[in-house]
Amino acid sequence: MPTPHRPPTSWTSPSWATSSYGEPADTSPTELSALGDHLSLCAGLKGRMFATRCFCEVMHGFVASRFVTTLAVATLVIGAIALLN
């Protein structure tokens, strides 16, 4: 049984769905308040250990991407220390 012919979607009228529902797309006071709370929380997380955590994340990324090389260098360093003692 043949199916009815449907025109391409570019020929039909657009049907957009937005979250503003015809109103101006401005931020509401509630959204600004939630953003302020979020930024305060983020600023509070930068305590004494923030720089240490950043350094550890950088070192983890460096070591993880060069795992085999890191193991080889660590083995050489431990071996050299053992020989010197």
Protein backbone atom coordinates (compact mmCIF):
# COMPACT_ATOMS: atom_id res chain seq x y z
CA MET A 1 0.00 0.00 0.00
CA PRO A 2 1.60 3.33 -0.99
CA THR A 3 2.23 5.92 1.68
CA PRO A 4 0.94 9.47 1.17
CA HIS A 5 3.44 11.98 -0.14
CA ARG A 6 4.74 14.38 2.49
CA PRO A 7 6.54 17.56 1.48
CA PRO A 8 10.07 18.11 2.84
CA THR A 9 10.24 19.86 6.18
CA SER A 10 11.70 22.99 4.58
CA TRP A 11 8.37 23.52 2.81
CA THR A 12 6.36 23.37 6.00
CA SER A 13 6.10 26.24 8.43
CA PRO A 14 8.69 26.23 11.21
CA SER A 15 7.68 25.12 14.67
CA TRP A 16 10.21 26.38 17.18
CA ALA A 17 10.02 25.53 20.83
CA THR A 18 11.67 28.00 23.18
CA SER A 19 11.78 28.36 26.91
CA SER A 20 10.76 32.02 26.84
CA TYR A 21 7.22 31.29 25.54
CA GLY A 22 6.89 34.61 23.77
CA GLU A 23 8.40 36.65 26.61
CA PRO A 24 11.76 38.43 26.41
CA ALA A 25 14.64 36.02 26.97
CA ASP A 26 16.16 37.86 29.94
CA THR A 27 17.55 36.34 33.10
CA SER A 28 15.15 36.27 35.97
CA PRO A 29 16.02 37.38 39.52
CA THR A 30 15.75 33.73 40.59
CA GLU A 31 18.32 32.68 37.99
CA LEU A 32 20.66 35.49 39.03
CA SER A 33 20.31 34.46 42.66
CA ALA A 34 21.09 30.82 41.82
CA LEU A 35 24.12 31.94 39.81
CA GLY A 36 25.34 34.06 42.73
CA ASP A 37 24.94 31.09 45.11
CA HIS A 38 26.88 28.87 42.71
CA LEU A 39 29.71 31.39 42.34
CA SER A 40 29.91 31.82 46.12
CA LEU A 41 30.18 28.06 46.52
CA CYS A 42 32.93 27.88 43.89
CA ALA A 43 34.85 30.72 45.52
CA GLY A 44 34.57 28.99 48.90
CA LEU A 45 36.15 25.82 47.53
CA LYS A 46 39.42 27.66 46.92
CA GLY A 47 40.88 26.98 50.34
CA ARG A 48 44.44 26.40 51.48
CA MET A 49 44.72 23.14 49.57
CA PHE A 50 43.47 24.50 46.23
CA ALA A 51 46.95 25.05 44.76
CA THR A 52 48.04 21.61 45.94
CA ARG A 53 45.01 20.00 44.32
CA CYS A 54 45.70 21.84 41.06
CA PHE A 55 49.34 20.70 41.12
CA CYS A 56 48.28 17.10 41.79
CA GLU A 57 45.80 17.17 38.91
CA VAL A 58 48.49 18.47 36.55
CA MET A 59 50.97 15.82 37.71
CA HIS A 60 48.33 13.08 37.39
CA GLY A 61 47.63 14.14 33.80
CA PHE A 62 51.35 14.16 33.02
CA VAL A 63 52.02 10.77 34.62
CA ALA A 64 48.90 9.09 33.25
CA SER A 65 49.71 10.06 29.68
CA ARG A 66 53.30 8.77 30.03
CA PHE A 67 52.70 5.78 32.32
CA VAL A 68 55.31 3.36 30.90
CA THR A 69 57.98 6.05 30.67
CA THR A 70 57.21 7.16 34.23
CA LEU A 71 57.56 3.58 35.48
CA ALA A 72 60.90 3.21 33.70
CA VAL A 73 62.25 6.50 35.11
CA ALA A 74 61.00 5.66 38.62
CA THR A 75 62.68 2.24 38.41
CA LEU A 76 65.96 3.83 37.30
CA VAL A 77 65.82 6.43 40.08
CA ILE A 78 65.05 3.82 42.77
CA GLY A 79 67.80 1.57 41.39
CA ALA A 80 70.32 4.42 41.38
CA ILE A 81 69.43 5.34 44.98
CA ALA A 82 69.76 1.68 46.04
CA LEU A 83 73.21 1.45 44.40
CA LEU A 84 74.42 4.64 46.06
CA ASN A 85 73.43 3.48 49.54
